[in-house]
Amino acid sequence: MTWIVVLAVGVGSYLFRVGPLLAVQRMTLSPQAERVLRHAGTAAITGKQSAAGGSALPTILALAAGIGLACRGASMTRILFVGGALYAGVAVVTGLLG
């Protein structure tokens, strides 16, 4: 019985990961949408990690700046640098005031 569950979870995980790849091949996205989606995973992981504790304001502002830069076609290095600097600055100011 355990092997059936393990195989079912494995097949489900495989389909969950391959499904978007197969669906995207049949769809055409604009270059701007592709550029934004390329960095969406990094933005989500960064936002989740930084929102784990403390105020949400630095995370929201850094995420907004990152999305704005990604939509304008900025490099990943610039997005991370600006987002990180903005997050650190707002976190320090928020910590000093609060």
PDB file of N, CA and C in Angstrom:
ATOM      1  N   MET A   1       0.817  -1.194   0.000  1.00  0.00           N
ATOM      2  CA  MET A   1       0.000   0.000   0.000  1.00  0.00           C
ATOM      3  C   MET A   1       0.864   1.264   0.000  1.00  0.00           C
ATOM      4  N   THR A   2       1.974   1.232   0.740  1.00  0.00           N
ATOM      5  CA  THR A   2       2.857   2.391   0.814  1.00  0.00           C
ATOM      6  C   THR A   2       3.442   2.722  -0.550  1.00  0.00           C
ATOM      7  N   TRP A   3       3.799   1.691  -1.330  1.00  0.00           N
ATOM      8  CA  TRP A   3       4.395   1.923  -2.646  1.00  0.00           C
ATOM      9  C   TRP A   3       3.404   2.570  -3.605  1.00  0.00           C
ATOM     10  N   ILE A   4       2.150   2.253  -3.458  1.00  0.00           N
ATOM     11  CA  ILE A   4       1.126   2.877  -4.315  1.00  0.00           C
ATOM     12  C   ILE A   4       1.045   4.379  -4.026  1.00  0.00           C
ATOM     13  N   VAL A   5       1.094   4.722  -2.767  1.00  0.00           N
ATOM     14  CA  VAL A   5       1.051   6.133  -2.387  1.00  0.00           C
ATOM     15  C   VAL A   5       2.305   6.856  -2.872  1.00  0.00           C
ATOM     16  N   VAL A   6       3.468   6.232  -2.710  1.00  0.00           N
ATOM     17  CA  VAL A   6       4.719   6.835  -3.152  1.00  0.00           C
ATOM     18  C   VAL A   6       4.689   7.055  -4.662  1.00  0.00           C
ATOM     19  N   LEU A   7       4.248   6.070  -5.410  1.00  0.00           N
ATOM     20  CA  LEU A   7       4.162   6.204  -6.869  1.00  0.00           C
ATOM     21  C   LEU A   7       3.142   7.269  -7.273  1.00  0.00           C
ATOM     22  N   ALA A   8       2.007   7.305  -6.589  1.00  0.00           N
ATOM     23  CA  ALA A   8       0.979   8.304  -6.910  1.00  0.00           C
ATOM     24  C   ALA A   8       1.502   9.723  -6.657  1.00  0.00           C
ATOM     25  N   VAL A   9       2.197   9.925  -5.558  1.00  0.00           N
ATOM     26  CA  VAL A   9       2.766  11.239  -5.256  1.00  0.00           C
ATOM     27  C   VAL A   9       3.837  11.591  -6.281  1.00  0.00           C
ATOM     28  N   GLY A  10       4.654  10.627  -6.670  1.00  0.00           N
ATOM     29  CA  GLY A  10       5.685  10.865  -7.679  1.00  0.00           C
ATOM     30  C   GLY A  10       5.096  11.259  -9.019  1.00  0.00           C
ATOM     31  N   VAL A  11       4.062  10.542  -9.457  1.00  0.00           N
ATOM     32  CA  VAL A  11       3.406  10.855 -10.730  1.00  0.00           C
ATOM     33  C   VAL A  11       2.725  12.220 -10.649  1.00  0.00           C
ATOM     34  N   GLY A  12       2.058  12.494  -9.538  1.00  0.00           N
ATOM     35  CA  GLY A  12       1.406  13.797  -9.365  1.00  0.00           C
ATOM     36  C   GLY A  12       2.410  14.938  -9.379  1.00  0.00           C
ATOM     37  N   SER A  13       3.541  14.746  -8.718  1.00  0.00           N
ATOM     38  CA  SER A  13       4.586  15.769  -8.702  1.00  0.00           C
ATOM     39  C   SER A  13       5.152  15.992 -10.101  1.00  0.00           C
ATOM     40  N   TYR A  14       5.369  14.907 -10.824  1.00  0.00           N
ATOM     41  CA  TYR A  14       5.885  15.020 -12.188  1.00  0.00           C
ATOM     42  C   TYR A  14       4.907  15.783 -13.082  1.00  0.00           C
ATOM     43  N   LEU A  15       3.637  15.442 -13.010  1.00  0.00           N
ATOM     44  CA  LEU A  15       2.638  16.127 -13.834  1.00  0.00           C
ATOM     45  C   LEU A  15       2.487  17.592 -13.435  1.00  0.00           C
ATOM     46  N   PHE A  16       2.599  17.859 -12.149  1.00  0.00           N
ATOM     47  CA  PHE A  16       2.497  19.240 -11.667  1.00  0.00           C
ATOM     48  C   PHE A  16       3.648  20.094 -12.208  1.00  0.00           C
ATOM     49  N   ARG A  17       4.823  19.493 -12.352  1.00  0.00           N
ATOM     50  CA  ARG A  17       5.987  20.237 -12.842  1.00  0.00           C
ATOM     51  C   ARG A  17       6.034  20.317 -14.362  1.00  0.00           C
ATOM     52  N   VAL A  18       5.582  19.293 -15.050  1.00  0.00           N
ATOM     53  CA  VAL A  18       5.642  19.262 -16.511  1.00  0.00           C
ATOM     54  C   VAL A  18       4.435  19.968 -17.132  1.00  0.00           C
ATOM     55  N   GLY A  19       3.321  19.999 -16.438  1.00  0.00           N
ATOM     56  CA  GLY A  19       2.099  20.603 -16.972  1.00  0.00           C
ATOM     57  C   GLY A  19       2.272  22.022 -17.480  1.00  0.00           C
ATOM     58  N   PRO A  20       2.840  22.931 -16.675  1.00  0.00           N
ATOM     59  CA  PRO A  20       3.026  24.298 -17.176  1.00  0.00           C
ATOM     60  C   PRO A  20       3.948  24.372 -18.394  1.00  0.00           C
ATOM     61  N   LEU A  21       4.954  23.527 -18.442  1.00  0.00           N
ATOM     62  CA  LEU A  21       5.851  23.541 -19.600  1.00  0.00           C
ATOM     63  C   LEU A  21       5.114  23.145 -20.869  1.00  0.00           C
ATOM     64  N   LEU A  22       4.260  22.154 -20.762  1.00  0.00           N
ATOM     65  CA  LEU A  22       3.494  21.725 -21.935  1.00  0.00           C
ATOM     66  C   LEU A  22       2.435  22.759 -22.313  1.00  0.00           C
ATOM     67  N   ALA A  23       1.839  23.400 -21.327  1.00  0.00           N
ATOM     68  CA  ALA A  23       0.800  24.393 -21.609  1.00  0.00           C
ATOM     69  C   ALA A  23       1.394  25.656 -22.229  1.00  0.00           C
ATOM     70  N   VAL A  24       2.572  26.056 -21.776  1.00  0.00           N
ATOM     71  CA  VAL A  24       3.189  27.279 -22.288  1.00  0.00           C
ATOM     72  C   VAL A  24       3.639  27.106 -23.732  1.00  0.00           C
ATOM     73  N   GLN A  25       3.995  25.890 -24.127  1.00  0.00           N
ATOM     74  CA  GLN A  25       4.414  25.655 -25.509  1.00  0.00           C
ATOM     75  C   GLN A  25       3.277  25.927 -26.483  1.00  0.00           C
ATOM     76  N   ARG A  26       2.058  25.770 -26.057  1.00  0.00           N
ATOM     77  CA  ARG A  26       0.903  25.990 -26.930  1.00  0.00           C
ATOM     78  C   ARG A  26       0.415  27.425 -26.898  1.00  0.00           C
ATOM     79  N   MET A  27       0.908  28.215 -25.962  1.00  0.00           N
ATOM     80  CA  MET A  27       0.491  29.613 -25.826  1.00  0.00           C
ATOM     81  C   MET A  27       1.637  30.516 -26.274  1.00  0.00           C
ATOM     82  N   THR A  28       1.294  31.680 -26.741  1.00  0.00           N
ATOM     83  CA  THR A  28       2.320  32.667 -27.048  1.00  0.00           C
ATOM     84  C   THR A  28       2.147  33.853 -26.111  1.00  0.00           C
ATOM     85  N   LEU A  29       3.229  34.242 -25.491  1.00  0.00           N
ATOM     86  CA  LEU A  29       3.220  35.357 -24.560  1.00  0.00           C
ATOM     87  C   LEU A  29       3.970  36.529 -25.169  1.00  0.00           C
ATOM     88  N   SER A  30       3.622  37.709 -24.747  1.00  0.00           N
ATOM     89  CA  SER A  30       4.348  38.889 -25.207  1.00  0.00           C
ATOM     90  C   SER A  30       5.749  38.873 -24.599  1.00  0.00           C
ATOM     91  N   PRO A  31       6.696  39.548 -25.226  1.00  0.00           N
ATOM     92  CA  PRO A  31       8.050  39.593 -24.662  1.00  0.00           C
ATOM     93  C   PRO A  31       8.084  40.182 -23.250  1.00  0.00           C
ATOM     94  N   GLN A  32       7.226  41.158 -22.978  1.00  0.00           N
ATOM     95  CA  GLN A  32       7.185  41.744 -21.637  1.00  0.00           C
ATOM     96  C   GLN A  32       6.680  40.725 -20.617  1.00  0.00           C
ATOM     97  N   ALA A  33       5.653  39.956 -20.973  1.00  0.00           N
ATOM     98  CA  ALA A  33       5.132  38.935 -20.056  1.00  0.00           C
ATOM     99  C   ALA A  33       6.183  37.862 -19.799  1.00  0.00           C
ATOM    100  N   GLU A  34       6.909  37.469 -20.830  1.00  0.00           N
ATOM    101  CA  GLU A  34       7.967  36.476 -20.643  1.00  0.00           C
ATOM    102  C   GLU A  34       9.058  36.999 -19.719  1.00  0.00           C
ATOM    103  N   ARG A  35       9.422  38.273 -19.878  1.00  0.00           N
ATOM    104  CA  ARG A  35      10.461  38.871 -19.047  1.00  0.00           C
ATOM    105  C   ARG A  35      10.029  38.928 -17.585  1.00  0.00           C
ATOM    106  N   VAL A  36       8.777  39.289 -17.349  1.00  0.00           N
ATOM    107  CA  VAL A  36       8.280  39.365 -15.972  1.00  0.00           C
ATOM    108  C   VAL A  36       8.187  37.968 -15.357  1.00  0.00           C
ATOM    109  N   LEU A  37       7.686  36.999 -16.113  1.00  0.00           N
ATOM    110  CA  LEU A  37       7.564  35.639 -15.597  1.00  0.00           C
ATOM    111  C   LEU A  37       8.918  34.995 -15.329  1.00  0.00           C
ATOM    112  N   ARG A  38       9.929  35.401 -16.072  1.00  0.00           N
ATOM    113  CA  ARG A  38      11.265  34.837 -15.883  1.00  0.00           C
ATOM    114  C   ARG A  38      11.777  35.107 -14.477  1.00  0.00           C
ATOM    115  N   HIS A  39      11.415  36.253 -13.897  1.00  0.00           N
ATOM    116  CA  HIS A  39      11.920  36.630 -12.579  1.00  0.00           C
ATOM    117  C   HIS A  39      10.880  36.454 -11.473  1.00  0.00           C
ATOM    118  N   ALA A  40       9.725  35.913 -11.784  1.00  0.00           N
ATOM    119  CA  ALA A  40       8.659  35.793 -10.795  1.00  0.00           C
ATOM    120  C   ALA A  40       9.033  34.839  -9.662  1.00  0.00           C
ATOM    121  N   GLY A  41       9.702  33.748  -9.978  1.00  0.00           N
ATOM    122  CA  GLY A  41      10.088  32.785  -8.939  1.00  0.00           C
ATOM    123  C   GLY A  41      11.034  33.386  -7.921  1.00  0.00           C
ATOM    124  N   THR A  42      12.029  34.109  -8.412  1.00  0.00           N
ATOM    125  CA  THR A  42      12.980  34.747  -7.506  1.00  0.00           C
ATOM    126  C   THR A  42      12.291  35.778  -6.631  1.00  0.00           C
ATOM    127  N   ALA A  43      11.395  36.544  -7.226  1.00  0.00           N
ATOM    128  CA  ALA A  43      10.671  37.556  -6.452  1.00  0.00           C
ATOM    129  C   ALA A  43       9.810  36.906  -5.380  1.00  0.00           C
ATOM    130  N   ALA A  44       9.150  35.819  -5.716  1.00  0.00           N
ATOM    131  CA  ALA A  44       8.285  35.146  -4.740  1.00  0.00           C
ATOM    132  C   ALA A  44       9.089  34.566  -3.587  1.00  0.00           C
ATOM    133  N   ILE A  45      10.219  33.949  -3.907  1.00  0.00           N
ATOM    134  CA  ILE A  45      11.059  33.375  -2.855  1.00  0.00           C
ATOM    135  C   ILE A  45      11.622  34.469  -1.964  1.00  0.00           C
ATOM    136  N   THR A  46      12.089  35.561  -2.567  1.00  0.00           N
ATOM    137  CA  THR A  46      12.646  36.666  -1.799  1.00  0.00           C
ATOM    138  C   THR A  46      11.588  37.290  -0.897  1.00  0.00           C
ATOM    139  N   GLY A  47      10.402  37.509  -1.444  1.00  0.00           N
ATOM    140  CA  GLY A  47       9.323  38.090  -0.655  1.00  0.00           C
ATOM    141  C   GLY A  47       8.914  37.197   0.500  1.00  0.00           C
ATOM    142  N   LYS A  48       8.859  35.907   0.275  1.00  0.00           N
ATOM    143  CA  LYS A  48       8.477  34.969   1.322  1.00  0.00           C
ATOM    144  C   LYS A  48       9.520  34.930   2.423  1.00  0.00           C
ATOM    145  N   GLN A  49      10.803  34.909   2.056  1.00  0.00           N
ATOM    146  CA  GLN A  49      11.865  34.845   3.049  1.00  0.00           C
ATOM    147  C   GLN A  49      11.924  36.107   3.889  1.00  0.00           C
ATOM    148  N   SER A  50      11.780  37.259   3.263  1.00  0.00           N
ATOM    149  CA  SER A  50      11.915  38.495   4.022  1.00  0.00           C
ATOM    150  C   SER A  50      10.663  38.819   4.821  1.00  0.00           C
ATOM    151  N   ALA A  51       9.528  38.265   4.452  1.00  0.00           N
ATOM    152  CA  ALA A  51       8.291  38.530   5.185  1.00  0.00           C
ATOM    153  C   ALA A  51       8.118  37.600   6.385  1.00  0.00           C
ATOM    154  N   ALA A  52       9.106  36.746   6.632  1.00  0.00           N
ATOM    155  CA  ALA A  52       8.979  35.776   7.711  1.00  0.00           C
ATOM    156  C   ALA A  52       8.906  36.434   9.082  1.00  0.00           C
ATOM    157  N   GLY A  53       9.475  37.605   9.220  1.00  0.00           N
ATOM    158  CA  GLY A  53       9.425  38.268  10.515  1.00  0.00           C
ATOM    159  C   GLY A  53       9.500  39.772  10.350  1.00  0.00           C
ATOM    160  N   GLY A  54       8.987  40.471  11.318  1.00  0.00           N
ATOM    161  CA  GLY A  54       9.074  41.920  11.293  1.00  0.00           C
ATOM    162  C   GLY A  54       7.963  42.562  10.484  1.00  0.00           C
ATOM    163  N   SER A  55       8.188  43.827  10.157  1.00  0.00           N
ATOM    164  CA  SER A  55       7.202  44.630   9.436  1.00  0.00           C
ATOM    165  C   SER A  55       7.099  44.190   7.984  1.00  0.00           C
ATOM    166  N   ALA A  56       5.911  44.313   7.431  1.00  0.00           N
ATOM    167  CA  ALA A  56       5.698  43.953   6.028  1.00  0.00           C
ATOM    168  C   ALA A  56       6.008  45.113   5.095  1.00  0.00           C
ATOM    169  N   LEU A  57       6.153  46.322   5.618  1.00  0.00           N
ATOM    170  CA  LEU A  57       6.381  47.496   4.778  1.00  0.00           C
ATOM    171  C   LEU A  57       7.656  47.393   3.942  1.00  0.00           C
ATOM    172  N   PRO A  58       8.805  47.003   4.505  1.00  0.00           N
ATOM    173  CA  PRO A  58      10.006  46.884   3.666  1.00  0.00           C
ATOM    174  C   PRO A  58       9.832  45.865   2.544  1.00  0.00           C
ATOM    175  N   THR A  59       9.162  44.767   2.838  1.00  0.00           N
ATOM    176  CA  THR A  59       8.939  43.731   1.830  1.00  0.00           C
ATOM    177  C   THR A  59       8.050  44.250   0.712  1.00  0.00           C
ATOM    178  N   ILE A  60       6.985  44.929   1.076  1.00  0.00           N
ATOM    179  CA  ILE A  60       6.048  45.438   0.062  1.00  0.00           C
ATOM    180  C   ILE A  60       6.727  46.466  -0.831  1.00  0.00           C
ATOM    181  N   LEU A  61       7.490  47.381  -0.237  1.00  0.00           N
ATOM    182  CA  LEU A  61       8.161  48.406  -1.038  1.00  0.00           C
ATOM    183  C   LEU A  61       9.239  47.805  -1.934  1.00  0.00           C
ATOM    184  N   ALA A  62      10.023  46.866  -1.413  1.00  0.00           N
ATOM    185  CA  ALA A  62      11.066  46.225  -2.216  1.00  0.00           C
ATOM    186  C   ALA A  62      10.450  45.401  -3.339  1.00  0.00           C
ATOM    187  N   LEU A  63       9.364  44.720  -3.056  1.00  0.00           N
ATOM    188  CA  LEU A  63       8.684  43.929  -4.078  1.00  0.00           C
ATOM    189  C   LEU A  63       8.102  44.828  -5.159  1.00  0.00           C
ATOM    190  N   ALA A  64       7.509  45.946  -4.773  1.00  0.00           N
ATOM    191  CA  ALA A  64       6.952  46.884  -5.752  1.00  0.00           C
ATOM    192  C   ALA A  64       8.051  47.455  -6.643  1.00  0.00           C
ATOM    193  N   ALA A  65       9.179  47.798  -6.046  1.00  0.00           N
ATOM    194  CA  ALA A  65      10.299  48.317  -6.838  1.00  0.00           C
ATOM    195  C   ALA A  65      10.823  47.242  -7.787  1.00  0.00           C
ATOM    196  N   GLY A  66      10.922  46.015  -7.310  1.00  0.00           N
ATOM    197  CA  GLY A  66      11.394  44.916  -8.158  1.00  0.00           C
ATOM    198  C   GLY A  66      10.471  44.650  -9.332  1.00  0.00           C
ATOM    199  N   ILE A  67       9.176  44.682  -9.081  1.00  0.00           N
ATOM    200  CA  ILE A  67       8.211  44.469 -10.166  1.00  0.00           C
ATOM    201  C   ILE A  67       8.304  45.603 -11.179  1.00  0.00           C
ATOM    202  N   GLY A  68       8.399  46.825 -10.680  1.00  0.00           N
ATOM    203  CA  GLY A  68       8.521  47.967 -11.589  1.00  0.00           C
ATOM    204  C   GLY A  68       9.769  47.884 -12.455  1.00  0.00           C
ATOM    205  N   LEU A  69      10.888  47.520 -11.850  1.00  0.00           N
ATOM    206  CA  LEU A  69      12.123  47.387 -12.614  1.00  0.00           C
ATOM    207  C   LEU A  69      12.055  46.239 -13.605  1.00  0.00           C
ATOM    208  N   ALA A  70      11.442  45.120 -13.205  1.00  0.00           N
ATOM    209  CA  ALA A  70      11.318  43.972 -14.112  1.00  0.00           C
ATOM    210  C   ALA A  70      10.452  44.325 -15.314  1.00  0.00           C
ATOM    211  N   CYS A  71       9.395  45.072 -15.094  1.00  0.00           N
ATOM    212  CA  CYS A  71       8.528  45.484 -16.204  1.00  0.00           C
ATOM    213  C   CYS A  71       9.251  46.426 -17.156  1.00  0.00           C
ATOM    214  N   ARG A  72      10.205  47.178 -16.652  1.00  0.00           N
ATOM    215  CA  ARG A  72      10.971  48.097 -17.502  1.00  0.00           C
ATOM    216  C   ARG A  72      12.162  47.414 -18.162  1.00  0.00           C
ATOM    217  N   GLY A  73      12.383  46.134 -17.846  1.00  0.00           N
ATOM    218  CA  GLY A  73      13.446  45.367 -18.498  1.00  0.00           C
ATOM    219  C   GLY A  73      14.804  45.468 -17.834  1.00  0.00           C
ATOM    220  N   ALA A  74      14.843  45.805 -16.562  1.00  0.00           N
ATOM    221  CA  ALA A  74      16.118  45.913 -15.852  1.00  0.00           C
ATOM    222  C   ALA A  74      16.741  44.535 -15.663  1.00  0.00           C
ATOM    223  N   SER A  75      18.040  44.510 -15.474  1.00  0.00           N
ATOM    224  CA  SER A  75      18.740  43.245 -15.262  1.00  0.00           C
ATOM    225  C   SER A  75      18.421  42.702 -13.866  1.00  0.00           C
ATOM    226  N   MET A  76      18.632  41.397 -13.696  1.00  0.00           N
ATOM    227  CA  MET A  76      18.376  40.762 -12.407  1.00  0.00           C
ATOM    228  C   MET A  76      19.301  41.336 -11.340  1.00  0.00           C
ATOM    229  N   THR A  77      20.529  41.665 -11.714  1.00  0.00           N
ATOM    230  CA  THR A  77      21.460  42.257 -10.755  1.00  0.00           C
ATOM    231  C   THR A  77      20.938  43.592 -10.241  1.00  0.00           C
ATOM    232  N   ARG A  78      20.444  44.414 -11.137  1.00  0.00           N
ATOM    233  CA  ARG A  78      19.912  45.719 -10.730  1.00  0.00           C
ATOM    234  C   ARG A  78      18.670  45.543  -9.857  1.00  0.00           C
ATOM    235  N   ILE A  79      17.799  44.611 -10.226  1.00  0.00           N
ATOM    236  CA  ILE A  79      16.577  44.370  -9.448  1.00  0.00           C
ATOM    237  C   ILE A  79      16.927  43.943  -8.025  1.00  0.00           C
ATOM    238  N   LEU A  80      17.860  43.003  -7.895  1.00  0.00           N
ATOM    239  CA  LEU A  80      18.245  42.524  -6.567  1.00  0.00           C
ATOM    240  C   LEU A  80      18.948  43.603  -5.755  1.00  0.00           C
ATOM    241  N   PHE A  81      19.811  44.384  -6.410  1.00  0.00           N
ATOM    242  CA  PHE A  81      20.528  45.444  -5.695  1.00  0.00           C
ATOM    243  C   PHE A  81      19.571  46.516  -5.192  1.00  0.00           C
ATOM    244  N   VAL A  82      18.704  47.001  -6.070  1.00  0.00           N
ATOM    245  CA  VAL A  82      17.764  48.060  -5.676  1.00  0.00           C
ATOM    246  C   VAL A  82      16.774  47.537  -4.640  1.00  0.00           C
ATOM    247  N   GLY A  83      16.237  46.337  -4.862  1.00  0.00           N
ATOM    248  CA  GLY A  83      15.292  45.766  -3.904  1.00  0.00           C
ATOM    249  C   GLY A  83      15.917  45.533  -2.544  1.00  0.00           C
ATOM    250  N   GLY A  84      17.151  45.006  -2.544  1.00  0.00           N
ATOM    251  CA  GLY A  84      17.840  44.760  -1.282  1.00  0.00           C
ATOM    252  C   GLY A  84      18.173  46.037  -0.538  1.00  0.00           C
ATOM    253  N   ALA A  85      18.650  47.036  -1.279  1.00  0.00           N
ATOM    254  CA  ALA A  85      18.988  48.316  -0.648  1.00  0.00           C
ATOM    255  C   ALA A  85      17.737  48.998  -0.100  1.00  0.00           C
ATOM    256  N   LEU A  86      16.658  48.968  -0.877  1.00  0.00           N
ATOM    257  CA  LEU A  86      15.412  49.571  -0.420  1.00  0.00           C
ATOM    258  C   LEU A  86      14.879  48.843   0.811  1.00  0.00           C
ATOM    259  N   TYR A  87      14.926  47.516   0.767  1.00  0.00           N
ATOM    260  CA  TYR A  87      14.452  46.732   1.909  1.00  0.00           C
ATOM    261  C   TYR A  87      15.280  47.058   3.172  1.00  0.00           C
ATOM    262  N   ALA A  88      16.598  47.086   3.019  1.00  0.00           N
ATOM    263  CA  ALA A  88      17.456  47.352   4.181  1.00  0.00           C
ATOM    264  C   ALA A  88      17.224  48.759   4.713  1.00  0.00           C
ATOM    265  N   GLY A  89      17.128  49.740   3.825  1.00  0.00           N
ATOM    266  CA  GLY A  89      16.902  51.113   4.272  1.00  0.00           C
ATOM    267  C   GLY A  89      15.591  51.285   5.000  1.00  0.00           C
ATOM    268  N   VAL A  90      14.531  50.744   4.440  1.00  0.00           N
ATOM    269  CA  VAL A  90      13.218  50.874   5.083  1.00  0.00           C
ATOM    270  C   VAL A  90      13.174  50.084   6.386  1.00  0.00           C
ATOM    271  N   ALA A  91      13.826  48.929   6.420  1.00  0.00           N
ATOM    272  CA  ALA A  91      13.849  48.127   7.654  1.00  0.00           C
ATOM    273  C   ALA A  91      14.593  48.863   8.765  1.00  0.00           C
ATOM    274  N   VAL A  92      15.677  49.524   8.415  1.00  0.00           N
ATOM    275  CA  VAL A  92      16.442  50.274   9.441  1.00  0.00           C
ATOM    276  C   VAL A  92      15.600  51.440   9.941  1.00  0.00           C
ATOM    277  N   VAL A  93      15.013  52.200   9.022  1.00  0.00           N
ATOM    278  CA  VAL A  93      14.199  53.352   9.437  1.00  0.00           C
ATOM    279  C   VAL A  93      13.008  52.901  10.267  1.00  0.00           C
ATOM    280  N   THR A  94      12.345  51.835   9.842  1.00  0.00           N
ATOM    281  CA  THR A  94      11.200  51.303  10.584  1.00  0.00           C
ATOM    282  C   THR A  94      11.618  50.828  11.965  1.00  0.00           C
ATOM    283  N   GLY A  95      12.798  50.188  12.049  1.00  0.00           N
ATOM    284  CA  GLY A  95      13.298  49.720  13.331  1.00  0.00           C
ATOM    285  C   GLY A  95      13.651  50.859  14.269  1.00  0.00           C
ATOM    286  N   LEU A  96      14.197  51.933  13.719  1.00  0.00           N
ATOM    287  CA  LEU A  96      14.550  53.082  14.558  1.00  0.00           C
ATOM    288  C   LEU A  96      13.332  53.844  15.048  1.00  0.00           C
ATOM    289  N   LEU A  97      12.313  53.928  14.179  1.00  0.00           N
ATOM    290  CA  LEU A  97      11.103  54.663  14.557  1.00  0.00           C
ATOM    291  C   LEU A  97      10.163  53.849  15.438  1.00  0.00           C
ATOM    292  N   GLY A  98      10.181  52.530  15.262  1.00  0.00           N
ATOM    293  CA  GLY A  98       9.204  51.695  15.973  1.00  0.00           C
ATOM    294  C   GLY A  98       9.754  51.062  17.124  1.00  0.00           C
TER     295      GLY A  98
END
